Amino acid sequence: MKKVLVFTASLAGAVLLQPAMLPAAHADIVSTHEFVQEQQSGLNRAQLTEQLQREDVRELLVQYGVDPDEALERVAALTDEEVLQLTANINELPAGAGISVSVTVILIGILVWLIFFR
């Protein structure tokens, strides 16, 4: 009888203390605009990284005294807003004038893939 009482008390204690050990879950509604902006930032960051990995760009960075690996680290450290701001004006910058067509095709391809194949 004493074993049953001890078992019951320990089981009741475990059941009562279990919710205290679980972390609280937090859910929030994400708007479409926020989701698209986050996805766009990731694509823009990938675009910047891809451009910095090109051999001709790396050579120009070295000519200007910039370490290409450090430039990649700095792109990785940019906030989403900074990435969007930098890539928004990329067509107006002299070095990025020819990027718009290829980036547009890539973005449309990724969006089609996300919409139809997910």
PDB file of N, CA and C in Angstrom:
ATOM      1  N   MET A   1       0.816  -1.188   0.000  1.00  0.00           N
ATOM      2  CA  MET A   1       0.000   0.000   0.000  1.00  0.00           C
ATOM      3  C   MET A   1       0.862   1.255   0.000  1.00  0.00           C
ATOM      4  N   LYS A   2       1.956   1.194   0.777  1.00  0.00           N
ATOM      5  CA  LYS A   2       2.841   2.340   0.881  1.00  0.00           C
ATOM      6  C   LYS A   2       3.528   2.608  -0.462  1.00  0.00           C
ATOM      7  N   LYS A   3       3.880   1.531  -1.215  1.00  0.00           N
ATOM      8  CA  LYS A   3       4.521   1.688  -2.520  1.00  0.00           C
ATOM      9  C   LYS A   3       3.563   2.334  -3.520  1.00  0.00           C
ATOM     10  N   VAL A   4       2.309   1.943  -3.448  1.00  0.00           N
ATOM     11  CA  VAL A   4       1.312   2.509  -4.345  1.00  0.00           C
ATOM     12  C   VAL A   4       1.120   3.990  -4.052  1.00  0.00           C
ATOM     13  N   LEU A   5       1.109   4.361  -2.772  1.00  0.00           N
ATOM     14  CA  LEU A   5       0.948   5.756  -2.379  1.00  0.00           C
ATOM     15  C   LEU A   5       2.141   6.593  -2.833  1.00  0.00           C
ATOM     16  N   VAL A   6       3.360   6.064  -2.700  1.00  0.00           N
ATOM     17  CA  VAL A   6       4.560   6.779  -3.131  1.00  0.00           C
ATOM     18  C   VAL A   6       4.560   6.925  -4.657  1.00  0.00           C
ATOM     19  N   PHE A   7       4.185   5.851  -5.360  1.00  0.00           N
ATOM     20  CA  PHE A   7       4.128   5.892  -6.812  1.00  0.00           C
ATOM     21  C   PHE A   7       3.092   6.906  -7.298  1.00  0.00           C
ATOM     22  N   THR A   8       1.943   6.903  -6.678  1.00  0.00           N
ATOM     23  CA  THR A   8       0.877   7.833  -7.055  1.00  0.00           C
ATOM     24  C   THR A   8       1.292   9.276  -6.790  1.00  0.00           C
ATOM     25  N   ALA A   9       1.931   9.518  -5.674  1.00  0.00           N
ATOM     26  CA  ALA A   9       2.383  10.876  -5.345  1.00  0.00           C
ATOM     27  C   ALA A   9       3.458  11.349  -6.321  1.00  0.00           C
ATOM     28  N   SER A  10       4.395  10.472  -6.667  1.00  0.00           N
ATOM     29  CA  SER A  10       5.446  10.868  -7.599  1.00  0.00           C
ATOM     30  C   SER A  10       4.881  11.075  -9.007  1.00  0.00           C
ATOM     31  N   LEU A  11       3.916  10.240  -9.402  1.00  0.00           N
ATOM     32  CA  LEU A  11       3.281  10.405 -10.703  1.00  0.00           C
ATOM     33  C   LEU A  11       2.486  11.711 -10.753  1.00  0.00           C
ATOM     34  N   ALA A  12       1.754  12.028  -9.709  1.00  0.00           N
ATOM     35  CA  ALA A  12       0.996  13.276  -9.647  1.00  0.00           C
ATOM     36  C   ALA A  12       1.948  14.474  -9.676  1.00  0.00           C
ATOM     37  N   GLY A  13       3.057  14.378  -8.985  1.00  0.00           N
ATOM     38  CA  GLY A  13       4.047  15.456  -8.981  1.00  0.00           C
ATOM     39  C   GLY A  13       4.648  15.667 -10.362  1.00  0.00           C
ATOM     40  N   ALA A  14       4.940  14.566 -11.050  1.00  0.00           N
ATOM     41  CA  ALA A  14       5.505  14.669 -12.393  1.00  0.00           C
ATOM     42  C   ALA A  14       4.508  15.298 -13.364  1.00  0.00           C
ATOM     43  N   VAL A  15       3.248  14.915 -13.254  1.00  0.00           N
ATOM     44  CA  VAL A  15       2.218  15.465 -14.133  1.00  0.00           C
ATOM     45  C   VAL A  15       2.011  16.949 -13.851  1.00  0.00           C
ATOM     46  N   LEU A  16       2.045  17.338 -12.598  1.00  0.00           N
ATOM     47  CA  LEU A  16       1.840  18.742 -12.248  1.00  0.00           C
ATOM     48  C   LEU A  16       3.034  19.616 -12.622  1.00  0.00           C
ATOM     49  N   LEU A  17       4.244  19.063 -12.568  1.00  0.00           N
ATOM     50  CA  LEU A  17       5.442  19.857 -12.858  1.00  0.00           C
ATOM     51  C   LEU A  17       5.819  19.853 -14.339  1.00  0.00           C
ATOM     52  N   GLN A  18       5.253  18.964 -15.116  1.00  0.00           N
ATOM     53  CA  GLN A  18       5.613  18.872 -16.528  1.00  0.00           C
ATOM     54  C   GLN A  18       5.358  20.175 -17.293  1.00  0.00           C
ATOM     55  N   PRO A  19       4.227  20.846 -17.141  1.00  0.00           N
ATOM     56  CA  PRO A  19       4.043  22.104 -17.882  1.00  0.00           C
ATOM     57  C   PRO A  19       5.062  23.174 -17.508  1.00  0.00           C
ATOM     58  N   ALA A  20       5.588  23.130 -16.309  1.00  0.00           N
ATOM     59  CA  ALA A  20       6.572  24.127 -15.901  1.00  0.00           C
ATOM     60  C   ALA A  20       7.902  23.915 -16.607  1.00  0.00           C
ATOM     61  N   MET A  21       8.180  22.701 -17.043  1.00  0.00           N
ATOM     62  CA  MET A  21       9.454  22.406 -17.694  1.00  0.00           C
ATOM     63  C   MET A  21       9.406  22.654 -19.198  1.00  0.00           C
ATOM     64  N   LEU A  22       8.237  22.732 -19.793  1.00  0.00           N
ATOM     65  CA  LEU A  22       8.120  22.962 -21.220  1.00  0.00           C
ATOM     66  C   LEU A  22       8.278  24.447 -21.531  1.00  0.00           C
ATOM     67  N   PRO A  23       9.040  24.772 -22.559  1.00  0.00           N
ATOM     68  CA  PRO A  23       9.161  26.188 -22.926  1.00  0.00           C
ATOM     69  C   PRO A  23       7.850  26.686 -23.523  1.00  0.00           C
ATOM     70  N   ALA A  24       7.597  27.940 -23.310  1.00  0.00           N
ATOM     71  CA  ALA A  24       6.369  28.535 -23.838  1.00  0.00           C
ATOM     72  C   ALA A  24       6.530  28.744 -25.346  1.00  0.00           C
ATOM     73  N   ALA A  25       5.534  28.384 -26.103  1.00  0.00           N
ATOM     74  CA  ALA A  25       5.551  28.576 -27.550  1.00  0.00           C
ATOM     75  C   ALA A  25       4.997  29.957 -27.876  1.00  0.00           C
ATOM     76  N   HIS A  26       5.591  30.565 -28.885  1.00  0.00           N
ATOM     77  CA  HIS A  26       5.136  31.883 -29.308  1.00  0.00           C
ATOM     78  C   HIS A  26       4.893  31.833 -30.810  1.00  0.00           C
ATOM     79  N   ALA A  27       3.695  32.118 -31.203  1.00  0.00           N
ATOM     80  CA  ALA A  27       3.353  32.141 -32.628  1.00  0.00           C
ATOM     81  C   ALA A  27       2.844  33.525 -32.977  1.00  0.00           C
ATOM     82  N   ASP A  28       3.160  33.935 -34.185  1.00  0.00           N
ATOM     83  CA  ASP A  28       2.728  35.244 -34.639  1.00  0.00           C
ATOM     84  C   ASP A  28       2.366  35.131 -36.116  1.00  0.00           C
ATOM     85  N   ILE A  29       1.478  35.960 -36.546  1.00  0.00           N
ATOM     86  CA  ILE A  29       1.066  35.965 -37.939  1.00  0.00           C
ATOM     87  C   ILE A  29       2.105  36.739 -38.739  1.00  0.00           C
ATOM     88  N   VAL A  30       2.541  36.150 -39.835  1.00  0.00           N
ATOM     89  CA  VAL A  30       3.510  36.794 -40.712  1.00  0.00           C
ATOM     90  C   VAL A  30       2.766  37.258 -41.952  1.00  0.00           C
ATOM     91  N   SER A  31       2.891  38.528 -42.237  1.00  0.00           N
ATOM     92  CA  SER A  31       2.203  39.066 -43.410  1.00  0.00           C
ATOM     93  C   SER A  31       2.933  38.648 -44.684  1.00  0.00           C
ATOM     94  N   THR A  32       2.229  38.691 -45.771  1.00  0.00           N
ATOM     95  CA  THR A  32       2.820  38.335 -47.064  1.00  0.00           C
ATOM     96  C   THR A  32       3.955  39.289 -47.404  1.00  0.00           C
ATOM     97  N   HIS A  33       3.764  40.551 -47.094  1.00  0.00           N
ATOM     98  CA  HIS A  33       4.803  41.551 -47.380  1.00  0.00           C
ATOM     99  C   HIS A  33       6.088  41.227 -46.627  1.00  0.00           C
ATOM    100  N   GLU A  34       5.984  40.877 -45.356  1.00  0.00           N
ATOM    101  CA  GLU A  34       7.173  40.537 -44.569  1.00  0.00           C
ATOM    102  C   GLU A  34       7.855  39.293 -45.123  1.00  0.00           C
ATOM    103  N   PHE A  35       7.057  38.291 -45.507  1.00  0.00           N
ATOM    104  CA  PHE A  35       7.609  37.060 -46.043  1.00  0.00           C
ATOM    105  C   PHE A  35       8.327  37.307 -47.361  1.00  0.00           C
ATOM    106  N   VAL A  36       7.701  38.074 -48.245  1.00  0.00           N
ATOM    107  CA  VAL A  36       8.313  38.369 -49.536  1.00  0.00           C
ATOM    108  C   VAL A  36       9.571  39.193 -49.341  1.00  0.00           C
ATOM    109  N   GLN A  37       9.533  40.137 -48.424  1.00  0.00           N
ATOM    110  CA  GLN A  37      10.709  40.965 -48.164  1.00  0.00           C
ATOM    111  C   GLN A  37      11.866  40.113 -47.641  1.00  0.00           C
ATOM    112  N   GLU A  38      11.568  39.168 -46.780  1.00  0.00           N
ATOM    113  CA  GLU A  38      12.610  38.276 -46.255  1.00  0.00           C
ATOM    114  C   GLU A  38      13.191  37.412 -47.369  1.00  0.00           C
ATOM    115  N   GLN A  39      12.324  36.873 -48.231  1.00  0.00           N
ATOM    116  CA  GLN A  39      12.792  36.058 -49.346  1.00  0.00           C
ATOM    117  C   GLN A  39      13.615  36.909 -50.321  1.00  0.00           C
ATOM    118  N   GLN A  40      13.163  38.117 -50.590  1.00  0.00           N
ATOM    119  CA  GLN A  40      13.869  39.010 -51.504  1.00  0.00           C
ATOM    120  C   GLN A  40      15.241  39.354 -50.952  1.00  0.00           C
ATOM    121  N   SER A  41      15.318  39.570 -49.646  1.00  0.00           N
ATOM    122  CA  SER A  41      16.592  39.887 -49.027  1.00  0.00           C
ATOM    123  C   SER A  41      17.567  38.729 -49.191  1.00  0.00           C
ATOM    124  N   GLY A  42      17.074  37.513 -49.022  1.00  0.00           N
ATOM    125  CA  GLY A  42      17.933  36.342 -49.201  1.00  0.00           C
ATOM    126  C   GLY A  42      18.431  36.216 -50.630  1.00  0.00           C
ATOM    127  N   LEU A  43      17.547  36.476 -51.593  1.00  0.00           N
ATOM    128  CA  LEU A  43      17.944  36.419 -52.995  1.00  0.00           C
ATOM    129  C   LEU A  43      18.946  37.522 -53.321  1.00  0.00           C
ATOM    130  N   ASN A  44      18.714  38.715 -52.795  1.00  0.00           N
ATOM    131  CA  ASN A  44      19.626  39.826 -53.044  1.00  0.00           C
ATOM    132  C   ASN A  44      20.984  39.571 -52.408  1.00  0.00           C
ATOM    133  N   ARG A  45      20.989  38.988 -51.219  1.00  0.00           N
ATOM    134  CA  ARG A  45      22.256  38.661 -50.556  1.00  0.00           C
ATOM    135  C   ARG A  45      23.016  37.620 -51.394  1.00  0.00           C
ATOM    136  N   ALA A  46      22.294  36.649 -51.926  1.00  0.00           N
ATOM    137  CA  ALA A  46      22.932  35.640 -52.781  1.00  0.00           C
ATOM    138  C   ALA A  46      23.484  36.280 -54.044  1.00  0.00           C
ATOM    139  N   GLN A  47      22.746  37.253 -54.590  1.00  0.00           N
ATOM    140  CA  GLN A  47      23.205  37.962 -55.781  1.00  0.00           C
ATOM    141  C   GLN A  47      24.498  38.713 -55.484  1.00  0.00           C
ATOM    142  N   LEU A  48      24.547  39.413 -54.376  1.00  0.00           N
ATOM    143  CA  LEU A  48      25.760  40.145 -54.013  1.00  0.00           C
ATOM    144  C   LEU A  48      26.934  39.196 -53.803  1.00  0.00           C
ATOM    145  N   THR A  49      26.682  38.097 -53.134  1.00  0.00           N
ATOM    146  CA  THR A  49      27.739  37.122 -52.885  1.00  0.00           C
ATOM    147  C   THR A  49      28.243  36.533 -54.196  1.00  0.00           C
ATOM    148  N   GLU A  50      27.316  36.238 -55.092  1.00  0.00           N
ATOM    149  CA  GLU A  50      27.697  35.691 -56.400  1.00  0.00           C
ATOM    150  C   GLU A  50      28.553  36.684 -57.172  1.00  0.00           C
ATOM    151  N   GLN A  51      28.174  37.946 -57.134  1.00  0.00           N
ATOM    152  CA  GLN A  51      28.942  38.960 -57.846  1.00  0.00           C
ATOM    153  C   GLN A  51      30.346  39.120 -57.251  1.00  0.00           C
ATOM    154  N   LEU A  52      30.449  39.031 -55.932  1.00  0.00           N
ATOM    155  CA  LEU A  52      31.755  39.179 -55.286  1.00  0.00           C
ATOM    156  C   LEU A  52      32.654  37.968 -55.505  1.00  0.00           C
ATOM    157  N   GLN A  53      32.089  36.858 -55.911  1.00  0.00           N
ATOM    158  CA  GLN A  53      32.896  35.661 -56.146  1.00  0.00           C
ATOM    159  C   GLN A  53      33.387  35.570 -57.589  1.00  0.00           C
ATOM    160  N   ARG A  54      32.923  36.459 -58.453  1.00  0.00           N
ATOM    161  CA  ARG A  54      33.411  36.471 -59.825  1.00  0.00           C
ATOM    162  C   ARG A  54      34.874  36.900 -59.844  1.00  0.00           C
ATOM    163  N   GLU A  55      35.647  36.278 -60.731  1.00  0.00           N
ATOM    164  CA  GLU A  55      37.087  36.529 -60.774  1.00  0.00           C
ATOM    165  C   GLU A  55      37.411  37.975 -61.131  1.00  0.00           C
ATOM    166  N   ASP A  56      36.683  38.563 -62.098  1.00  0.00           N
ATOM    167  CA  ASP A  56      36.980  39.942 -62.487  1.00  0.00           C
ATOM    168  C   ASP A  56      36.671  40.928 -61.364  1.00  0.00           C
ATOM    169  N   VAL A  57      35.628  40.653 -60.601  1.00  0.00           N
ATOM    170  CA  VAL A  57      35.289  41.519 -59.462  1.00  0.00           C
ATOM    171  C   VAL A  57      36.332  41.380 -58.365  1.00  0.00           C
ATOM    172  N   ARG A  58      36.768  40.147 -58.122  1.00  0.00           N
ATOM    173  CA  ARG A  58      37.800  39.929 -57.099  1.00  0.00           C
ATOM    174  C   ARG A  58      39.095  40.660 -57.469  1.00  0.00           C
ATOM    175  N   GLU A  59      39.448  40.635 -58.751  1.00  0.00           N
ATOM    176  CA  GLU A  59      40.653  41.350 -59.195  1.00  0.00           C
ATOM    177  C   GLU A  59      40.521  42.856 -58.983  1.00  0.00           C
ATOM    178  N   LEU A  60      39.331  43.395 -59.289  1.00  0.00           N
ATOM    179  CA  LEU A  60      39.117  44.828 -59.073  1.00  0.00           C
ATOM    180  C   LEU A  60      39.172  45.185 -57.588  1.00  0.00           C
ATOM    181  N   LEU A  61      38.618  44.317 -56.751  1.00  0.00           N
ATOM    182  CA  LEU A  61      38.678  44.581 -55.315  1.00  0.00           C
ATOM    183  C   LEU A  61      40.121  44.618 -54.833  1.00  0.00           C
ATOM    184  N   VAL A  62      40.935  43.701 -55.304  1.00  0.00           N
ATOM    185  CA  VAL A  62      42.346  43.684 -54.916  1.00  0.00           C
ATOM    186  C   VAL A  62      43.043  44.938 -55.421  1.00  0.00           C
ATOM    187  N   GLN A  63      42.706  45.380 -56.647  1.00  0.00           N
ATOM    188  CA  GLN A  63      43.305  46.606 -57.182  1.00  0.00           C
ATOM    189  C   GLN A  63      42.972  47.813 -56.312  1.00  0.00           C
ATOM    190  N   TYR A  64      41.763  47.818 -55.741  1.00  0.00           N
ATOM    191  CA  TYR A  64      41.365  48.934 -54.879  1.00  0.00           C
ATOM    192  C   TYR A  64      41.798  48.737 -53.432  1.00  0.00           C
ATOM    193  N   GLY A  65      42.505  47.659 -53.148  1.00  0.00           N
ATOM    194  CA  GLY A  65      43.020  47.427 -51.810  1.00  0.00           C
ATOM    195  C   GLY A  65      42.026  46.802 -50.853  1.00  0.00           C
ATOM    196  N   VAL A  66      41.018  46.132 -51.379  1.00  0.00           N
ATOM    197  CA  VAL A  66      39.999  45.495 -50.545  1.00  0.00           C
ATOM    198  C   VAL A  66      40.200  43.987 -50.606  1.00  0.00           C
ATOM    199  N   ASP A  67      40.225  43.347 -49.455  1.00  0.00           N
ATOM    200  CA  ASP A  67      40.332  41.896 -49.407  1.00  0.00           C
ATOM    201  C   ASP A  67      38.990  41.285 -49.821  1.00  0.00           C
ATOM    202  N   PRO A  68      38.958  40.467 -50.891  1.00  0.00           N
ATOM    203  CA  PRO A  68      37.684  39.895 -51.352  1.00  0.00           C
ATOM    204  C   PRO A  68      36.977  39.050 -50.295  1.00  0.00           C
ATOM    205  N   ASP A  69      37.728  38.329 -49.491  1.00  0.00           N
ATOM    206  CA  ASP A  69      37.104  37.514 -48.438  1.00  0.00           C
ATOM    207  C   ASP A  69      36.462  38.389 -47.366  1.00  0.00           C
ATOM    208  N   GLU A  70      37.111  39.517 -47.072  1.00  0.00           N
ATOM    209  CA  GLU A  70      36.540  40.458 -46.109  1.00  0.00           C
ATOM    210  C   GLU A  70      35.263  41.092 -46.665  1.00  0.00           C
ATOM    211  N   ALA A  71      35.245  41.350 -47.973  1.00  0.00           N
ATOM    212  CA  ALA A  71      34.037  41.900 -48.597  1.00  0.00           C
ATOM    213  C   ALA A  71      32.880  40.907 -48.493  1.00  0.00           C
ATOM    214  N   LEU A  72      33.158  39.611 -48.682  1.00  0.00           N
ATOM    215  CA  LEU A  72      32.121  38.589 -48.529  1.00  0.00           C
ATOM    216  C   LEU A  72      31.607  38.531 -47.099  1.00  0.00           C
ATOM    217  N   GLU A  73      32.516  38.659 -46.135  1.00  0.00           N
ATOM    218  CA  GLU A  73      32.110  38.660 -44.722  1.00  0.00           C
ATOM    219  C   GLU A  73      31.228  39.866 -44.418  1.00  0.00           C
ATOM    220  N   ARG A  74      31.558  40.995 -45.006  1.00  0.00           N
ATOM    221  CA  ARG A  74      30.751  42.195 -44.772  1.00  0.00           C
ATOM    222  C   ARG A  74      29.366  42.080 -45.380  1.00  0.00           C
ATOM    223  N   VAL A  75      29.258  41.461 -46.542  1.00  0.00           N
ATOM    224  CA  VAL A  75      27.947  41.240 -47.149  1.00  0.00           C
ATOM    225  C   VAL A  75      27.126  40.308 -46.253  1.00  0.00           C
ATOM    226  N   ALA A  76      27.767  39.302 -45.699  1.00  0.00           N
ATOM    227  CA  ALA A  76      27.059  38.378 -44.805  1.00  0.00           C
ATOM    228  C   ALA A  76      26.604  39.080 -43.528  1.00  0.00           C
ATOM    229  N   ALA A  77      27.316  40.123 -43.118  1.00  0.00           N
ATOM    230  CA  ALA A  77      26.977  40.836 -41.884  1.00  0.00           C
ATOM    231  C   ALA A  77      25.946  41.942 -42.086  1.00  0.00           C
ATOM    232  N   LEU A  78      25.593  42.249 -43.335  1.00  0.00           N
ATOM    233  CA  LEU A  78      24.615  43.305 -43.596  1.00  0.00           C
ATOM    234  C   LEU A  78      23.229  42.897 -43.085  1.00  0.00           C
ATOM    235  N   THR A  79      22.476  43.881 -42.652  1.00  0.00           N
ATOM    236  CA  THR A  79      21.086  43.610 -42.264  1.00  0.00           C
ATOM    237  C   THR A  79      20.246  43.487 -43.530  1.00  0.00           C
ATOM    238  N   ASP A  80      19.039  42.969 -43.381  1.00  0.00           N
ATOM    239  CA  ASP A  80      18.156  42.805 -44.536  1.00  0.00           C
ATOM    240  C   ASP A  80      17.855  44.141 -45.200  1.00  0.00           C
ATOM    241  N   GLU A  81      17.648  45.180 -44.400  1.00  0.00           N
ATOM    242  CA  GLU A  81      17.351  46.496 -44.950  1.00  0.00           C
ATOM    243  C   GLU A  81      18.536  47.039 -45.748  1.00  0.00           C
ATOM    244  N   GLU A  82      19.748  46.820 -45.250  1.00  0.00           N
ATOM    245  CA  GLU A  82      20.936  47.292 -45.953  1.00  0.00           C
ATOM    246  C   GLU A  82      21.116  46.559 -47.284  1.00  0.00           C
ATOM    247  N   VAL A  83      20.831  45.262 -47.283  1.00  0.00           N
ATOM    248  CA  VAL A  83      20.938  44.484 -48.522  1.00  0.00           C
ATOM    249  C   VAL A  83      19.925  44.987 -49.543  1.00  0.00           C
ATOM    250  N   LEU A  84      18.679  45.211 -49.099  1.00  0.00           N
ATOM    251  CA  LEU A  84      17.652  45.711 -50.016  1.00  0.00           C
ATOM    252  C   LEU A  84      18.009  47.088 -50.549  1.00  0.00           C
ATOM    253  N   GLN A  85      18.536  47.940 -49.690  1.00  0.00           N
ATOM    254  CA  GLN A  85      18.909  49.284 -50.111  1.00  0.00           C
ATOM    255  C   GLN A  85      20.062  49.234 -51.120  1.00  0.00           C
ATOM    256  N   LEU A  86      21.022  48.380 -50.878  1.00  0.00           N
ATOM    257  CA  LEU A  86      22.172  48.278 -51.777  1.00  0.00           C
ATOM    258  C   LEU A  86      21.774  47.708 -53.128  1.00  0.00           C
ATOM    259  N   THR A  87      20.958  46.680 -53.132  1.00  0.00           N
ATOM    260  CA  THR A  87      20.575  46.057 -54.404  1.00  0.00           C
ATOM    261  C   THR A  87      19.488  46.847 -55.133  1.00  0.00           C
ATOM    262  N   ALA A  88      18.768  47.711 -54.441  1.00  0.00           N
ATOM    263  CA  ALA A  88      17.750  48.522 -55.106  1.00  0.00           C
ATOM    264  C   ALA A  88      18.391  49.513 -56.069  1.00  0.00           C
ATOM    265  N   ASN A  89      19.579  49.973 -55.748  1.00  0.00           N
ATOM    266  CA  ASN A  89      20.262  50.961 -56.581  1.00  0.00           C
ATOM    267  C   ASN A  89      21.351  50.342 -57.440  1.00  0.00           C
ATOM    268  N   ILE A  90      21.380  49.029 -57.552  1.00  0.00           N
ATOM    269  CA  ILE A  90      22.483  48.385 -58.256  1.00  0.00           C
ATOM    270  C   ILE A  90      22.485  48.713 -59.745  1.00  0.00           C
ATOM    271  N   ASN A  91      21.328  48.961 -60.328  1.00  0.00           N
ATOM    272  CA  ASN A  91      21.279  49.313 -61.754  1.00  0.00           C
ATOM    273  C   ASN A  91      21.798  50.725 -62.009  1.00  0.00           C
ATOM    274  N   GLU A  92      21.775  51.566 -61.008  1.00  0.00           N
ATOM    275  CA  GLU A  92      22.262  52.934 -61.171  1.00  0.00           C
ATOM    276  C   GLU A  92      23.771  53.023 -60.969  1.00  0.00           C
ATOM    277  N   LEU A  93      24.358  52.003 -60.363  1.00  0.00           N
ATOM    278  CA  LEU A  93      25.794  51.993 -60.144  1.00  0.00           C
ATOM    279  C   LEU A  93      26.496  51.558 -61.423  1.00  0.00           C
ATOM    280  N   PRO A  94      27.661  52.113 -61.729  1.00  0.00           N
ATOM    281  CA  PRO A  94      28.333  51.781 -62.987  1.00  0.00           C
ATOM    282  C   PRO A  94      28.661  50.291 -63.130  1.00  0.00           C
ATOM    283  N   ALA A  95      29.100  49.639 -62.061  1.00  0.00           N
ATOM    284  CA  ALA A  95      29.506  48.234 -62.161  1.00  0.00           C
ATOM    285  C   ALA A  95      28.317  47.300 -62.260  1.00  0.00           C
ATOM    286  N   GLY A  96      27.133  47.735 -61.905  1.00  0.00           N
ATOM    287  CA  GLY A  96      25.982  46.852 -61.909  1.00  0.00           C
ATOM    288  C   GLY A  96      24.994  47.138 -63.011  1.00  0.00           C
ATOM    289  N   ALA A  97      25.388  47.859 -64.022  1.00  0.00           N
ATOM    290  CA  ALA A  97      24.443  48.271 -65.044  1.00  0.00           C
ATOM    291  C   ALA A  97      23.879  47.119 -65.853  1.00  0.00           C
ATOM    292  N   GLY A  98      24.636  46.056 -66.069  1.00  0.00           N
ATOM    293  CA  GLY A  98      24.157  44.966 -66.899  1.00  0.00           C
ATOM    294  C   GLY A  98      23.537  43.826 -66.126  1.00  0.00           C
ATOM    295  N   ILE A  99      23.301  43.974 -64.871  1.00  0.00           N
ATOM    296  CA  ILE A  99      22.825  42.877 -64.034  1.00  0.00           C
ATOM    297  C   ILE A  99      21.315  42.714 -64.096  1.00  0.00           C
ATOM    298  N   SER A 100      20.589  43.742 -64.392  1.00  0.00           N
ATOM    299  CA  SER A 100      19.141  43.735 -64.228  1.00  0.00           C
ATOM    300  C   SER A 100      18.436  42.637 -65.014  1.00  0.00           C
ATOM    301  N   VAL A 101      18.811  42.375 -66.241  1.00  0.00           N
ATOM    302  CA  VAL A 101      18.120  41.372 -67.051  1.00  0.00           C
ATOM    303  C   VAL A 101      18.348  39.985 -66.475  1.00  0.00           C
ATOM    304  N   SER A 102      19.585  39.660 -66.154  1.00  0.00           N
ATOM    305  CA  SER A 102      19.873  38.320 -65.629  1.00  0.00           C
ATOM    306  C   SER A 102      19.244  38.122 -64.261  1.00  0.00           C
ATOM    307  N   VAL A 103      19.278  39.130 -63.424  1.00  0.00           N
ATOM    308  CA  VAL A 103      18.671  39.016 -62.099  1.00  0.00           C
ATOM    309  C   VAL A 103      17.163  38.869 -62.220  1.00  0.00           C
ATOM    310  N   THR A 104      16.551  39.593 -63.121  1.00  0.00           N
ATOM    311  CA  THR A 104      15.105  39.491 -63.327  1.00  0.00           C
ATOM    312  C   THR A 104      14.723  38.092 -63.785  1.00  0.00           C
ATOM    313  N   VAL A 105      15.477  37.532 -64.701  1.00  0.00           N
ATOM    314  CA  VAL A 105      15.193  36.179 -65.186  1.00  0.00           C
ATOM    315  C   VAL A 105      15.355  35.164 -64.057  1.00  0.00           C
ATOM    316  N   ILE A 106      16.401  35.310 -63.267  1.00  0.00           N
ATOM    317  CA  ILE A 106      16.625  34.396 -62.149  1.00  0.00           C
ATOM    318  C   ILE A 106      15.501  34.516 -61.125  1.00  0.00           C
ATOM    319  N   LEU A 107      15.116  35.730 -60.783  1.00  0.00           N
ATOM    320  CA  LEU A 107      14.050  35.918 -59.803  1.00  0.00           C
ATOM    321  C   LEU A 107      12.721  35.355 -60.298  1.00  0.00           C
ATOM    322  N   ILE A 108      12.405  35.570 -61.559  1.00  0.00           N
ATOM    323  CA  ILE A 108      11.162  35.018 -62.110  1.00  0.00           C
ATOM    324  C   ILE A 108      11.216  33.496 -62.093  1.00  0.00           C
ATOM    325  N   GLY A 109      12.367  32.933 -62.443  1.00  0.00           N
ATOM    326  CA  GLY A 109      12.519  31.474 -62.399  1.00  0.00           C
ATOM    327  C   GLY A 109      12.334  30.917 -61.008  1.00  0.00           C
ATOM    328  N   ILE A 110      12.907  31.574 -60.019  1.00  0.00           N
ATOM    329  CA  ILE A 110      12.770  31.118 -58.637  1.00  0.00           C
ATOM    330  C   ILE A 110      11.330  31.254 -58.176  1.00  0.00           C
ATOM    331  N   LEU A 111      10.685  32.361 -58.498  1.00  0.00           N
ATOM    332  CA  LEU A 111       9.288  32.539 -58.105  1.00  0.00           C
ATOM    333  C   LEU A 111       8.382  31.500 -58.757  1.00  0.00           C
ATOM    334  N   VAL A 112       8.605  31.203 -60.037  1.00  0.00           N
ATOM    335  CA  VAL A 112       7.799  30.166 -60.716  1.00  0.00           C
ATOM    336  C   VAL A 112       8.012  28.826 -60.044  1.00  0.00           C
ATOM    337  N   TRP A 113       9.265  28.522 -59.731  1.00  0.00           N
ATOM    338  CA  TRP A 113       9.555  27.260 -59.066  1.00  0.00           C
ATOM    339  C   TRP A 113       8.876  27.188 -57.697  1.00  0.00           C
ATOM    340  N   LEU A 114       8.946  28.276 -56.936  1.00  0.00           N
ATOM    341  CA  LEU A 114       8.324  28.292 -55.609  1.00  0.00           C
ATOM    342  C   LEU A 114       6.807  28.153 -55.695  1.00  0.00           C
ATOM    343  N   ILE A 115       6.207  28.772 -56.676  1.00  0.00           N
ATOM    344  CA  ILE A 115       4.753  28.748 -56.789  1.00  0.00           C
ATOM    345  C   ILE A 115       4.251  27.401 -57.289  1.00  0.00           C
ATOM    346  N   PHE A 116       4.879  26.850 -58.316  1.00  0.00           N
ATOM    347  CA  PHE A 116       4.325  25.658 -58.957  1.00  0.00           C
ATOM    348  C   PHE A 116       4.919  24.335 -58.457  1.00  0.00           C
ATOM    349  N   PHE A 117       6.083  24.339 -57.900  1.00  0.00           N
ATOM    350  CA  PHE A 117       6.709  23.074 -57.535  1.00  0.00           C
ATOM    351  C   PHE A 117       6.862  22.864 -56.036  1.00  0.00           C
ATOM    352  N   ARG A 118       6.247  23.659 -55.235  1.00  0.00           N
ATOM    353  CA  ARG A 118       6.314  23.447 -53.783  1.00  0.00           C
ATOM    354  C   ARG A 118       5.025  22.938 -53.297  1.00  0.00           C
TER     355      ARG A 118
END
